[in-house]
N, C-alpha and C. Protein backbone atom coordinates (compact mmCIF):
# COMPACT_ATOMS: atom_id res chain seq x y z
N MET A 1 74.35 120.12 109.61
CA MET A 1 73.57 119.18 110.70
C MET A 1 73.73 117.38 110.16
N LYS A 2 72.21 117.58 109.30
CA LYS A 2 72.38 115.71 109.29
C LYS A 2 73.56 115.09 108.19
N ARG A 3 74.47 115.93 107.62
CA ARG A 3 75.66 115.68 107.32
C ARG A 3 76.42 114.40 108.42
N LEU A 4 76.62 115.44 109.43
CA LEU A 4 77.77 115.00 110.63
C LEU A 4 76.54 114.11 111.61
N GLY A 5 75.60 114.57 111.25
CA GLY A 5 74.63 112.93 112.49
C GLY A 5 75.01 111.46 111.58
N ARG A 6 74.73 111.50 110.24
CA ARG A 6 75.07 110.33 109.67
C ARG A 6 76.45 109.60 109.35
N GLU A 7 77.22 110.67 110.02
CA GLU A 7 78.64 110.37 109.93
C GLU A 7 78.75 109.74 111.58
N ARG A 8 78.32 109.90 112.18
CA ARG A 8 78.31 110.06 113.34
C ARG A 8 77.64 108.48 113.66
N SER A 9 76.68 108.23 113.40
CA SER A 9 76.22 107.13 112.98
C SER A 9 77.29 105.76 112.19
N ARG A 10 77.78 106.65 111.01
CA ARG A 10 78.56 105.31 110.60
C ARG A 10 79.52 104.88 111.28
N TRP A 11 80.45 106.22 112.35
CA TRP A 11 81.05 105.49 113.38
C TRP A 11 80.54 104.64 114.33
N LEU A 12 79.97 105.01 114.80
CA LEU A 12 79.22 103.44 115.47
C LEU A 12 78.80 102.50 115.15
N VAL A 13 78.38 102.50 113.97
CA VAL A 13 78.52 101.00 113.15
C VAL A 13 79.55 100.59 112.92
N VAL A 14 81.02 101.42 112.87
CA VAL A 14 82.20 100.60 112.75
C VAL A 14 82.62 100.42 113.76
N VAL A 15 82.48 100.81 114.78
CA VAL A 15 83.08 100.59 116.18
C VAL A 15 82.29 99.34 116.87
N LEU A 16 81.01 99.43 116.86
CA LEU A 16 80.24 97.99 117.07
C LEU A 16 81.08 96.76 116.22
N PHE A 17 81.02 97.10 115.17
CA PHE A 17 81.51 95.57 114.07
C PHE A 17 83.20 95.44 114.32
N ALA A 18 83.83 96.72 115.30
CA ALA A 18 85.43 96.26 115.70
C ALA A 18 85.09 95.29 117.19
N VAL A 19 84.25 96.27 117.89
CA VAL A 19 83.67 95.51 119.42
C VAL A 19 83.76 93.79 119.00
N GLY A 20 82.92 93.46 117.68
CA GLY A 20 82.60 92.11 117.44
C GLY A 20 83.34 91.83 117.22
N MET A 21 84.09 91.42 116.37
CA MET A 21 85.14 91.26 115.78
C MET A 21 86.19 91.16 116.69
N ALA A 22 86.79 92.22 117.84
CA ALA A 22 87.70 91.66 118.52
C ALA A 22 87.48 90.15 119.54
N TRP A 23 86.70 90.19 119.79
CA TRP A 23 85.41 89.15 120.40
C TRP A 23 86.08 87.66 119.91
N VAL A 24 85.58 87.86 118.69
CA VAL A 24 85.96 86.81 118.03
C VAL A 24 87.87 86.30 117.21
N GLU A 25 88.24 87.49 117.63
CA GLU A 25 90.01 87.01 117.56
C GLU A 25 90.37 87.09 118.95
N ALA A 26 90.01 87.57 119.63
CA ALA A 26 90.83 87.26 121.20
C ALA A 26 90.12 85.71 121.27
N ALA A 27 88.92 85.44 121.34
CA ALA A 27 88.36 83.92 121.20
C ALA A 27 89.33 82.52 120.29
N SER A 28 89.81 83.26 119.49
CA SER A 28 90.26 82.46 117.82
C SER A 28 91.79 82.57 118.85
N VAL A 29 92.45 83.19 119.17
CA VAL A 29 93.89 83.09 119.77
C VAL A 29 93.57 82.30 121.18
N TYR A 30 92.45 82.40 121.70
CA TYR A 30 93.01 81.72 122.75
C TYR A 30 92.52 80.14 122.27
N TYR A 31 91.67 79.68 121.72
CA TYR A 31 91.52 78.49 121.15
C TYR A 31 93.10 78.02 120.78
N LEU A 32 93.64 78.85 119.84
CA LEU A 32 95.16 78.80 119.57
C LEU A 32 96.26 78.66 120.51
N ARG A 33 96.04 79.56 121.27
CA ARG A 33 97.25 79.22 122.36
C ARG A 33 97.03 78.13 123.58
N ALA A 34 95.81 78.15 123.75
CA ALA A 34 95.60 76.84 124.98
C ALA A 34 95.72 75.88 124.26
N MET A 35 95.61 75.39 122.59
CA MET A 35 95.84 74.18 122.26
C MET A 35 97.79 73.55 122.28
N THR A 36 98.08 75.12 122.07
CA THR A 36 99.51 75.20 122.56
C THR A 36 100.59 75.00 123.06
N ASP A 37 99.32 75.48 124.54
CA ASP A 37 100.13 75.61 125.73
C ASP A 37 101.33 77.03 125.20
N ARG A 38 100.34 78.03 124.76
CA ARG A 38 101.44 79.29 125.13
C ARG A 38 100.02 80.54 125.43
N ILE A 39 99.73 80.54 126.09
CA ILE A 39 98.94 81.32 126.56
C ILE A 39 99.19 82.65 126.84
N ASP A 40 100.73 82.48 127.05
CA ASP A 40 101.85 84.00 127.54
C ASP A 40 102.39 83.10 126.46
N PRO A 41 102.86 84.05 125.16
CA PRO A 41 103.78 83.60 124.06
C PRO A 41 105.47 83.62 124.36
N TYR A 42 105.58 84.83 125.08
CA TYR A 42 106.96 84.60 125.43
C TYR A 42 107.69 83.50 126.35
N GLN A 43 107.87 82.70 125.43
CA GLN A 43 108.78 81.26 126.05
C GLN A 43 109.70 80.64 125.18
N GLU A 44 110.54 80.25 125.43
CA GLU A 44 110.80 78.97 124.81
C GLU A 44 109.82 78.63 123.41
N ASN A 45 110.54 78.20 121.92
CA ASN A 45 109.09 77.66 121.11
C ASN A 45 107.76 78.64 121.21
N PRO A 46 108.41 79.81 120.55
CA PRO A 46 106.75 80.72 121.03
C PRO A 46 105.55 81.00 119.76
N LEU A 47 106.58 79.77 118.86
CA LEU A 47 105.08 79.32 117.70
C LEU A 47 105.14 78.11 117.24
N PRO A 48 104.79 77.13 118.25
CA PRO A 48 104.25 75.40 118.35
C PRO A 48 103.69 75.59 116.99
N ILE A 49 103.75 75.54 116.01
CA ILE A 49 102.11 75.89 115.39
C ILE A 49 102.85 74.98 113.96
N ALA A 50 103.51 73.72 113.75
CA ALA A 50 103.53 73.10 113.11
C ALA A 50 102.45 72.36 112.85
N GLY A 51 102.77 71.88 110.91
CA GLY A 51 101.98 71.09 110.13
C GLY A 51 100.70 72.52 109.28
N VAL A 52 99.13 72.08 109.55
CA VAL A 52 98.45 72.84 109.05
C VAL A 52 98.00 74.30 109.31
N LEU A 53 98.41 74.11 111.08
CA LEU A 53 97.94 75.10 112.09
C LEU A 53 98.73 76.87 111.82
N GLY A 54 100.40 76.47 110.90
CA GLY A 54 100.72 77.48 110.75
C GLY A 54 99.83 78.71 109.25
N PRO A 55 99.81 77.68 108.37
CA PRO A 55 99.24 78.38 106.97
C PRO A 55 97.52 79.16 107.28
N VAL A 56 97.15 78.00 108.36
CA VAL A 56 95.91 78.59 108.74
C VAL A 56 95.79 79.92 109.62
N GLU A 57 96.73 79.65 110.31
CA GLU A 57 97.14 81.37 111.43
C GLU A 57 97.14 82.41 110.21
N LEU A 58 98.68 82.04 109.09
CA LEU A 58 98.69 83.23 108.15
C LEU A 58 97.51 83.89 107.41
N VAL A 59 97.07 83.17 106.71
CA VAL A 59 95.47 83.16 106.37
C VAL A 59 94.44 83.97 107.08
N ARG A 60 94.21 83.65 108.12
CA ARG A 60 93.26 84.26 109.32
C ARG A 60 93.79 85.48 109.36
N GLU A 61 95.17 85.64 109.72
CA GLU A 61 95.20 86.85 109.90
C GLU A 61 95.22 88.02 108.75
N ALA A 62 95.55 87.57 107.32
CA ALA A 62 95.11 88.15 105.97
C ALA A 62 94.21 88.93 105.91
N ALA A 63 92.72 87.84 106.46
CA ALA A 63 91.74 87.60 106.58
C ALA A 63 91.30 88.87 106.97
N THR A 64 92.06 89.21 108.32
CA THR A 64 91.50 89.88 109.86
C THR A 64 91.47 91.56 108.75
N LEU A 65 92.50 91.40 108.68
CA LEU A 65 92.98 93.16 107.41
C LEU A 65 91.90 92.82 106.95
N LEU A 66 91.84 92.32 105.46
CA LEU A 66 90.90 91.98 104.68
C LEU A 66 89.10 92.69 105.22
N MET A 67 89.12 92.13 106.55
CA MET A 67 87.75 92.73 106.81
C MET A 67 87.71 93.81 107.40
N LEU A 68 89.12 94.33 108.14
CA LEU A 68 88.85 95.46 108.48
C LEU A 68 89.20 96.71 107.67
N LEU A 69 89.25 96.68 106.32
CA LEU A 69 89.62 96.96 105.18
C LEU A 69 88.15 97.02 104.73
N THR A 70 87.36 96.23 104.40
CA THR A 70 85.93 96.18 104.26
C THR A 70 85.39 97.21 104.51
N ILE A 71 85.16 96.70 106.08
CA ILE A 71 84.39 97.30 106.89
C ILE A 71 84.54 99.18 106.67
N GLY A 72 86.01 99.36 106.15
CA GLY A 72 86.25 101.05 105.76
C GLY A 72 85.82 101.09 104.60
N MET A 73 86.01 100.25 103.54
CA MET A 73 85.41 101.01 102.18
C MET A 73 83.89 100.90 102.16
N LEU A 74 83.40 100.05 102.79
CA LEU A 74 81.79 101.07 103.16
C LEU A 74 81.40 101.22 104.06
N ALA A 75 81.57 102.13 104.40
CA ALA A 75 81.36 102.89 105.58
C ALA A 75 81.67 104.31 104.80
N GLY A 76 82.89 104.51 104.34
CA GLY A 76 83.39 106.01 103.50
C GLY A 76 82.80 105.95 102.35
N ARG A 77 82.54 107.29 102.21
CA ARG A 77 82.39 107.89 100.24
C ARG A 77 83.58 108.02 99.46
N THR A 78 84.73 108.31 100.26
CA THR A 78 85.87 109.19 99.63
C THR A 78 87.08 108.40 100.57
N TRP A 79 88.36 108.57 99.88
CA TRP A 79 89.20 108.05 100.36
C TRP A 79 89.77 108.05 101.14
N HIS A 80 89.68 109.55 102.14
CA HIS A 80 90.19 110.00 103.08
C HIS A 80 89.42 109.31 104.45
N LYS A 81 87.66 109.22 103.76
CA LYS A 81 86.72 108.71 105.39
C LYS A 81 87.35 107.37 104.58
N ARG A 82 87.48 106.35 103.55
CA ARG A 82 87.64 104.80 103.68
C ARG A 82 88.78 104.69 104.58
N LEU A 83 89.94 105.48 104.30
CA LEU A 83 90.68 105.24 105.48
C LEU A 83 90.71 105.37 106.89
N GLY A 84 89.97 106.80 107.05
CA GLY A 84 89.69 107.16 108.57
C GLY A 84 88.73 105.96 109.24
N TYR A 85 87.67 105.27 108.73
CA TYR A 85 86.66 104.15 108.80
C TYR A 85 87.64 102.97 109.88
N THR A 86 88.60 103.17 108.56
CA THR A 86 89.26 101.53 108.74
C THR A 86 90.46 101.09 109.56
N ALA A 87 90.63 102.47 109.74
CA ALA A 87 91.67 103.56 111.21
C ALA A 87 90.64 103.01 112.35
N ILE A 88 89.66 103.52 112.41
CA ILE A 88 88.67 103.36 113.38
C ILE A 88 88.52 101.95 114.30
N ALA A 89 88.73 100.96 112.94
CA ALA A 89 87.87 99.52 113.20
C ALA A 89 89.19 99.00 113.81
N PHE A 90 90.21 99.23 112.55
CA PHE A 90 91.89 98.34 113.24
C PHE A 90 91.79 98.75 114.89
N GLY A 91 91.74 100.27 115.08
CA GLY A 91 92.42 100.54 116.53
C GLY A 91 91.00 100.31 117.93
N VAL A 92 90.12 99.92 117.47
CA VAL A 92 89.49 99.55 118.88
C VAL A 92 89.45 98.22 118.57
N TRP A 93 89.34 97.79 117.38
CA TRP A 93 89.52 95.93 117.27
C TRP A 93 91.15 95.49 118.14
N ASP A 94 92.13 96.30 117.98
CA ASP A 94 93.08 96.12 118.31
C ASP A 94 93.35 96.16 120.04
N ILE A 95 92.42 97.25 120.00
CA ILE A 95 92.66 97.78 121.98
C ILE A 95 91.60 96.52 122.58
N LEU A 96 90.83 96.36 121.96
CA LEU A 96 89.29 95.38 122.82
C LEU A 96 89.98 94.12 122.77
N TYR A 97 90.80 93.77 121.88
CA TYR A 97 91.37 92.16 121.27
C TYR A 97 92.21 91.77 122.59
N TYR A 98 93.02 92.69 123.47
CA TYR A 98 93.78 93.10 124.47
C TYR A 98 92.81 92.71 125.96
N VAL A 99 92.04 93.53 125.55
CA VAL A 99 90.99 93.87 126.82
C VAL A 99 89.70 92.22 126.87
N PHE A 100 89.46 91.56 125.64
CA PHE A 100 88.70 90.82 125.80
C PHE A 100 89.90 89.49 126.38
N LEU A 101 91.09 89.48 125.55
CA LEU A 101 91.91 88.59 125.47
C LEU A 101 92.27 87.95 127.33
N ARG A 102 92.85 89.37 128.05
CA ARG A 102 92.85 89.51 129.40
C ARG A 102 91.00 88.78 130.14
N LEU A 103 89.66 89.21 129.72
CA LEU A 103 89.24 88.51 130.42
C LEU A 103 88.77 86.94 130.42
N ILE A 104 89.64 86.31 129.13
CA ILE A 104 89.45 85.30 128.83
C ILE A 104 90.07 84.56 129.39
N SER A 105 91.30 84.71 129.49
CA SER A 105 92.76 84.45 129.86
C SER A 105 93.44 84.16 130.78
N GLY A 106 93.07 85.65 131.19
CA GLY A 106 93.73 86.49 132.69
C GLY A 106 95.55 87.28 132.55
N TRP A 107 95.09 86.78 130.44
CA TRP A 107 96.60 87.62 130.27
C TRP A 107 96.28 88.48 129.21
N PRO A 108 96.65 89.29 128.83
CA PRO A 108 98.58 90.08 129.62
C PRO A 108 97.81 90.64 130.64
N LYS A 109 99.00 90.18 131.34
CA LYS A 109 98.36 90.36 133.24
C LYS A 109 99.24 91.79 133.30
N SER A 110 99.95 92.74 132.34
CA SER A 110 100.35 94.01 132.33
C SER A 110 100.54 94.46 130.84
N LEU A 111 100.68 95.74 130.50
CA LEU A 111 100.98 96.51 129.18
C LEU A 111 102.32 96.20 128.99
N LEU A 112 102.84 95.58 129.34
CA LEU A 112 104.60 95.31 129.66
C LEU A 112 105.10 94.05 128.75
N ASP A 113 103.65 93.35 128.77
CA ASP A 113 104.28 91.86 128.93
C ASP A 113 104.64 91.90 127.12
N TRP A 114 105.37 91.39 126.66
CA TRP A 114 105.67 90.96 125.08
C TRP A 114 104.35 90.36 124.74
N ASP A 115 104.17 90.27 123.34
CA ASP A 115 103.51 89.85 122.63
C ASP A 115 104.02 89.68 120.86
N ILE A 116 103.13 88.45 120.54
CA ILE A 116 103.90 88.61 118.86
C ILE A 116 102.51 88.87 118.36
N LEU A 117 102.88 90.34 117.56
CA LEU A 117 101.42 90.90 117.67
C LEU A 117 101.10 90.31 116.10
N PHE A 118 101.85 89.66 115.22
CA PHE A 118 101.86 89.21 113.68
C PHE A 118 102.86 89.08 113.38
N LEU A 119 102.31 87.74 112.25
CA LEU A 119 103.12 86.71 111.41
C LEU A 119 103.91 87.14 110.39
N LEU A 120 103.15 88.27 109.30
CA LEU A 120 103.51 88.87 108.49
C LEU A 120 104.69 89.95 108.26
N PRO A 121 105.04 89.60 107.33
CA PRO A 121 105.52 88.59 106.19
C PRO A 121 106.02 87.49 107.82
N LEU A 122 106.86 88.14 108.41
CA LEU A 122 107.60 87.93 109.68
C LEU A 122 107.35 88.31 111.06
N PRO A 123 107.41 87.04 111.95
CA PRO A 123 106.75 87.75 112.89
C PRO A 123 107.13 89.02 113.92
N TRP A 124 106.13 89.89 114.29
CA TRP A 124 106.53 91.39 114.85
C TRP A 124 106.34 90.97 116.68
N TRP A 125 107.33 91.24 117.28
CA TRP A 125 107.12 91.38 118.75
C TRP A 125 107.20 92.70 119.26
N GLY A 126 106.70 92.71 120.44
CA GLY A 126 106.94 94.43 121.18
C GLY A 126 105.68 94.53 122.41
N PRO A 127 105.82 94.90 123.27
CA PRO A 127 105.01 95.07 124.48
C PRO A 127 103.88 95.28 124.21
N VAL A 128 102.78 95.05 124.86
CA VAL A 128 100.96 94.73 124.27
C VAL A 128 101.29 96.68 124.53
N LEU A 129 101.69 97.59 125.42
CA LEU A 129 101.52 99.11 125.23
C LEU A 129 101.32 99.91 124.07
N ALA A 130 102.89 99.44 123.52
CA ALA A 130 103.13 99.60 121.73
C ALA A 130 101.76 99.28 120.95
N PRO A 131 101.22 98.13 120.42
CA PRO A 131 100.29 98.31 119.23
C PRO A 131 99.18 99.36 120.16
N VAL A 132 98.74 98.84 121.39
CA VAL A 132 97.77 99.83 122.24
C VAL A 132 97.77 100.87 121.52
N SER A 133 99.17 101.60 122.08
CA SER A 133 99.48 103.42 121.43
C SER A 133 98.96 103.54 120.06
N ILE A 134 99.73 102.66 119.40
CA ILE A 134 99.13 102.74 118.00
C ILE A 134 97.50 103.35 117.73
N ALA A 135 97.05 102.04 118.31
CA ALA A 135 95.71 101.98 118.14
C ALA A 135 94.93 102.83 118.70
N LEU A 136 95.42 103.69 119.66
CA LEU A 136 94.58 104.81 120.29
C LEU A 136 94.70 106.26 118.91
N LEU A 137 96.10 105.82 118.64
CA LEU A 137 96.64 107.04 117.53
C LEU A 137 95.73 106.72 116.17
N MET A 138 95.32 105.65 115.92
CA MET A 138 94.14 105.55 114.37
C MET A 138 92.84 105.79 114.78
N VAL A 139 92.61 105.49 116.32
CA VAL A 139 90.98 105.80 116.51
C VAL A 139 91.17 107.42 116.16
N VAL A 140 92.20 108.26 116.82
CA VAL A 140 91.81 109.55 117.22
C VAL A 140 91.69 109.83 115.52
N TRP A 141 92.89 109.63 114.84
CA TRP A 141 93.11 110.02 113.58
C TRP A 141 91.71 109.56 112.41
N GLY A 142 91.21 108.41 112.57
CA GLY A 142 90.32 108.01 111.99
C GLY A 142 89.16 108.89 111.92
N THR A 143 88.96 109.35 113.96
CA THR A 143 87.60 109.71 113.55
C THR A 143 87.43 110.83 113.22
N PHE A 144 88.50 111.70 113.02
CA PHE A 144 88.71 112.98 112.37
C PHE A 144 88.60 112.93 110.47
N ALA A 145 89.10 111.75 110.43
CA ALA A 145 89.45 111.86 109.19
C ALA A 145 87.72 111.30 108.64
N SER A 146 87.18 110.37 109.35
CA SER A 146 85.89 110.17 108.51
C SER A 146 85.27 111.50 108.99
N GLN A 147 85.48 112.43 109.51
CA GLN A 147 84.34 113.80 109.61
C GLN A 147 85.01 114.58 108.80
N LEU A 148 86.51 114.66 107.78
CA LEU A 148 86.64 115.40 106.76
C LEU A 148 86.10 115.76 105.86
N PRO A 149 84.97 116.95 105.71
CA PRO A 149 84.03 117.46 104.60
C PRO A 149 85.12 116.54 103.21
N ASP A 150 84.02 116.38 102.68
CA ASP A 150 83.94 115.40 101.08
C ASP A 150 84.60 116.25 100.04
N ARG A 151 84.83 117.82 100.41
CA ARG A 151 85.25 118.67 99.42
C ARG A 151 86.24 119.50 100.03
N SER A 152 87.25 118.48 100.55
CA SER A 152 88.30 118.90 100.97
C SER A 152 90.07 118.64 100.71
N PRO A 153 90.09 119.71 99.44
CA PRO A 153 91.14 118.63 98.66
C PRO A 153 92.51 118.97 99.47
N ALA A 154 94.11 118.13 99.40
CA ALA A 154 94.88 117.72 99.91
C ALA A 154 96.11 119.15 99.54
N THR A 155 96.60 119.52 100.68
CA THR A 155 97.57 121.00 100.24
C THR A 155 98.94 120.28 100.21
N SER A 156 99.71 121.07 100.03
CA SER A 156 101.57 120.88 99.85
C SER A 156 101.34 120.45 101.43
N LEU A 157 100.99 121.01 102.60
CA LEU A 157 101.33 120.29 103.84
C LEU A 157 101.09 118.77 103.94
N THR A 158 99.75 118.46 103.71
CA THR A 158 99.48 117.55 103.73
C THR A 158 99.98 116.25 103.45
N ARG A 159 100.48 116.64 102.58
CA ARG A 159 101.58 115.69 101.28
C ARG A 159 102.60 115.29 102.44
N ILE A 160 103.44 116.46 102.80
CA ILE A 160 104.64 116.73 103.82
C ILE A 160 103.90 115.96 104.65
N VAL A 161 103.38 115.82 105.85
CA VAL A 161 102.73 115.18 106.84
C VAL A 161 102.51 113.70 106.74
N TRP A 162 101.86 113.66 105.50
CA TRP A 162 101.76 111.66 104.94
C TRP A 162 102.94 111.38 105.09
N GLY A 163 104.34 112.07 104.28
CA GLY A 163 105.40 111.32 104.28
C GLY A 163 106.24 111.38 105.43
N LEU A 164 105.51 112.06 106.68
CA LEU A 164 106.39 111.96 108.40
C LEU A 164 105.10 110.86 108.32
N GLY A 165 104.41 110.73 108.09
CA GLY A 165 103.23 109.49 108.99
C GLY A 165 104.20 108.34 108.35
N SER A 166 104.46 108.30 106.95
CA SER A 166 104.56 107.08 106.35
C SER A 166 106.20 106.60 106.82
N LEU A 167 106.77 107.49 107.06
CA LEU A 167 108.21 107.30 107.69
C LEU A 167 108.09 106.72 108.82
N GLY A 168 107.58 107.19 109.68
CA GLY A 168 106.43 106.83 110.91
C GLY A 168 106.43 105.08 110.86
N ILE A 169 105.17 105.25 110.55
CA ILE A 169 104.93 103.37 109.81
C ILE A 169 105.92 102.70 109.72
N VAL A 170 107.22 102.81 108.70
CA VAL A 170 107.89 102.32 108.37
C VAL A 170 108.86 101.62 109.32
N LEU A 171 109.48 103.26 110.27
CA LEU A 171 110.41 103.04 111.46
C LEU A 171 109.30 101.74 112.45
N ALA A 172 108.15 102.28 112.69
CA ALA A 172 107.17 101.03 114.05
C ALA A 172 107.56 99.76 113.52
N LEU A 173 107.18 98.98 111.84
CA LEU A 173 107.43 98.41 111.89
C LEU A 173 108.91 97.64 111.60
N TYR A 174 109.90 98.29 111.36
CA TYR A 174 111.34 97.67 111.66
C TYR A 174 111.23 97.61 113.16
N VAL A 175 110.99 98.46 114.31
CA VAL A 175 111.06 98.05 115.69
C VAL A 175 110.41 96.85 116.02
N PHE A 176 109.39 96.79 115.38
CA PHE A 176 108.62 95.49 115.88
C PHE A 176 109.63 94.18 115.02
N MET A 177 110.03 94.38 114.50
CA MET A 177 110.73 93.34 113.57
C MET A 177 112.12 93.03 113.50
N ALA A 178 112.63 94.27 113.67
CA ALA A 178 114.01 94.76 114.25
C ALA A 178 114.72 92.58 114.84
N ASP A 179 114.44 92.32 115.79
CA ASP A 179 114.79 90.80 115.92
C ASP A 179 114.53 89.39 114.62
N SER A 180 113.47 89.48 114.32
CA SER A 180 113.59 88.81 113.37
C SER A 180 113.94 89.03 112.02
N LEU A 181 114.43 90.21 111.68
CA LEU A 181 114.93 90.78 111.12
C LEU A 181 116.61 90.15 110.88
N ARG A 182 117.43 90.67 111.87
CA ARG A 182 118.21 90.12 112.19
C ARG A 182 118.61 88.25 112.32
N ALA A 183 117.76 87.69 112.56
CA ALA A 183 118.00 86.37 112.29
C ALA A 183 116.97 85.68 111.14
N VAL A 184 116.77 86.64 110.19
CA VAL A 184 115.71 85.81 108.41
C VAL A 184 117.14 85.18 107.83
N HIS A 185 118.48 85.56 108.17
CA HIS A 185 119.35 85.10 107.20
C HIS A 185 119.40 83.28 107.41
N GLU A 186 119.05 83.06 108.57
CA GLU A 186 119.69 81.55 109.43
C GLU A 186 118.05 81.02 108.99
N GLY A 187 116.93 81.78 108.34
CA GLY A 187 115.81 80.62 107.65
C GLY A 187 114.71 80.79 108.91
N LEU A 188 113.65 80.81 108.02
CA LEU A 188 112.40 80.70 109.03
C LEU A 188 111.98 79.96 109.79
N ASP A 189 112.61 78.98 109.87
CA ASP A 189 112.45 78.04 111.19
C ASP A 189 113.17 78.82 112.76
N ILE A 190 114.30 79.42 112.40
CA ILE A 190 115.00 79.69 113.69
C ILE A 190 114.60 80.92 113.48
N THR A 191 114.04 81.80 112.75
CA THR A 191 113.49 82.84 112.94
C THR A 191 111.87 82.97 113.56
N ARG A 192 111.51 82.04 113.62
CA ARG A 192 110.26 81.82 114.65
C ARG A 192 110.51 81.68 115.77
N GLN A 193 111.83 81.43 116.53
CA GLN A 193 112.08 80.60 117.68
C GLN A 193 112.40 81.78 117.88
N VAL A 194 113.35 83.11 117.97
CA VAL A 194 113.60 84.05 118.25
C VAL A 194 112.61 84.63 119.35
N LEU A 195 113.61 84.53 120.72
CA LEU A 195 113.30 85.93 121.58
C LEU A 195 113.28 87.41 121.52
N PRO A 196 112.94 88.22 121.69
CA PRO A 196 113.28 89.70 121.27
C PRO A 196 113.90 89.63 122.26
N ARG A 197 114.62 90.41 121.86
CA ARG A 197 115.83 91.96 122.41
C ARG A 197 114.89 92.83 124.12
N PRO A 198 115.66 93.44 124.45
CA PRO A 198 114.67 94.52 124.60
C PRO A 198 114.44 95.62 123.62
N PHE A 199 113.14 96.12 124.34
CA PHE A 199 112.21 96.62 123.10
C PHE A 199 113.03 98.08 122.59
N ASN A 200 113.10 98.61 121.95
CA ASN A 200 113.66 99.78 121.69
C ASN A 200 112.68 100.96 121.72
N TRP A 201 112.46 101.45 122.60
CA TRP A 201 111.06 102.34 123.19
C TRP A 201 111.88 103.77 122.29
N SER A 202 113.11 104.45 122.73
CA SER A 202 113.46 105.47 121.80
C SER A 202 112.75 105.31 120.39
N ALA A 203 112.99 104.89 119.42
CA ALA A 203 113.04 104.32 118.16
C ALA A 203 111.65 104.34 117.83
N PHE A 204 110.75 104.01 119.19
CA PHE A 204 109.16 103.44 118.73
C PHE A 204 108.47 104.71 119.19
N TRP A 205 108.55 105.55 120.22
CA TRP A 205 108.58 106.94 120.57
C TRP A 205 108.23 107.54 119.22
N VAL A 206 109.87 107.93 118.68
CA VAL A 206 109.94 108.46 117.77
C VAL A 206 109.20 108.48 116.46
N ALA A 207 108.72 106.99 116.16
CA ALA A 207 107.92 106.56 115.59
C ALA A 207 106.63 107.13 115.05
N VAL A 208 105.94 107.14 116.82
CA VAL A 208 104.79 107.26 116.75
C VAL A 208 104.68 108.61 117.18
N THR A 209 105.27 109.65 117.08
CA THR A 209 105.32 110.89 117.03
C THR A 209 105.49 111.32 115.07
N LEU A 210 106.18 110.70 114.61
CA LEU A 210 105.59 110.84 113.11
C LEU A 210 104.57 110.49 112.70
N MET A 211 104.19 109.15 113.02
CA MET A 211 102.77 108.95 112.16
C MET A 211 101.92 109.85 113.34
N ALA A 212 102.11 110.58 113.98
CA ALA A 212 101.27 111.73 114.49
C ALA A 212 100.74 112.98 113.85
N ALA A 213 101.65 113.38 112.76
CA ALA A 213 102.00 114.28 112.42
C ALA A 213 101.06 114.50 111.72
N PRO A 214 99.82 113.86 110.96
CA PRO A 214 98.91 114.02 110.00
C PRO A 214 97.57 114.39 110.92
N VAL A 215 97.84 114.26 112.39
CA VAL A 215 96.32 114.62 113.54
C VAL A 215 96.18 116.10 113.23
N PRO A 216 97.06 116.76 113.75
CA PRO A 216 97.04 117.98 113.75
C PRO A 216 96.38 118.98 112.61
N GLU A 217 97.55 118.77 110.98
CA GLU A 217 96.70 118.89 109.90
C GLU A 217 95.70 118.37 109.75
N ILE A 218 94.84 117.38 109.22
CA ILE A 218 93.70 117.32 109.19
C ILE A 218 92.43 118.41 110.47
N VAL A 219 92.67 117.97 111.53
CA VAL A 219 92.10 118.94 112.49
C VAL A 219 92.06 120.04 112.37
N TRP A 220 93.03 120.97 111.29
CA TRP A 220 93.36 122.50 111.05
C TRP A 220 92.39 122.23 109.88
N ARG A 221 92.16 121.52 108.60
CA ARG A 221 91.87 121.32 107.71
C ARG A 221 90.30 121.36 108.22
N ILE A 222 89.63 120.96 108.94
CA ILE A 222 88.04 120.16 109.67
C ILE A 222 87.86 121.95 109.61
N ARG A 223 88.36 122.33 110.73
CA ARG A 223 87.70 123.60 110.99
C ARG A 223 87.90 124.84 110.05
N SER A 224 88.92 124.82 109.35
CA SER A 224 89.19 125.55 108.30
C SER A 224 88.13 125.75 107.68
N ARG A 225 87.76 124.65 106.98
CA ARG A 225 86.66 124.42 105.67
C ARG A 225 85.42 124.69 106.74
N ARG A 226 84.90 124.21 108.37
CA ARG A 226 83.99 124.77 108.83
C ARG A 226 83.68 126.42 109.00
N GLN A 227 84.92 127.39 109.26
CA GLN A 227 84.87 128.80 109.33
C GLN A 227 85.01 129.21 108.22
N ARG A 228 84.72 128.70 107.23
CA ARG A 228 84.06 128.67 105.55
C ARG A 228 82.78 128.88 104.97
N LEU A 229 82.58 127.69 105.57
CA LEU A 229 80.91 127.49 105.06
C LEU A 229 79.52 128.61 105.66
N PRO A 230 79.55 129.12 106.46
CA PRO A 230 79.38 130.50 106.88
C PRO A 230 79.02 131.27 105.74
N ALA A 231 80.58 132.02 105.27
CA ALA A 231 80.78 132.68 104.36
C ALA A 231 80.23 132.08 103.00
N GLU A 232 80.83 131.02 102.67
CA GLU A 232 80.53 130.95 101.68
C GLU A 232 78.69 130.27 101.25
N ARG A 233 78.21 130.39 102.39
CA ARG A 233 76.27 130.42 101.86
C ARG A 233 75.61 132.02 102.05
N TRP A 234 76.80 132.61 102.67
CA TRP A 234 75.80 134.12 102.62
C TRP A 234 76.51 134.64 101.13
N ALA A 235 77.58 134.04 100.70
CA ALA A 235 78.17 134.17 98.81
C ALA A 235 76.78 133.91 98.21
N GLY A 236 76.85 132.53 98.50
CA GLY A 236 76.00 131.86 97.52
C GLY A 236 74.48 132.47 97.55
């Protein structure tokens, strides 16, 4: 019970960190988009960040990932807990980023508004609903992963579902960057001007389904471990 209480406290601290970080992210993006007159990025010349703004924005995005990974490393003691807390932080941050951006600027007006999700290594595009869906899945998986007992070795099934999840991640990345990839041979400047075609929802939901494969497996591992604990204590 004490261990469970400690994990819940860590979960809350990670969530509070992500809330604060989401506001900072929303404010930073609002300042940048207000400077470039791109509150709604889905318009001609969506990335008018010439000069020093471009490199600064790329480094800021990399620094954001580093911060999320760092809080996960600090909160967790094992690799699956560290990944779990990182996923929680990422998911909460991403969801509240859009909530706060809506409060600050009035955008996005709907979950189907197109957004530039990321710039590394190429621009990612997708309706707001797409990253929010993945963020929710990350919070769910991360919450279960952070509660997994320390002594819970991976099984052959674990490796299979992680393989499926990895395949889903690759597919989701392709869907987000498909339009950029089609234009990359024309040069980076042209790639940054590309507005996306209709979003490939079919491929995206397949990707999400594959990414969700580890969730039921990790729930099963938690339940199995908890059912074995009374017997182990009795035998001891």
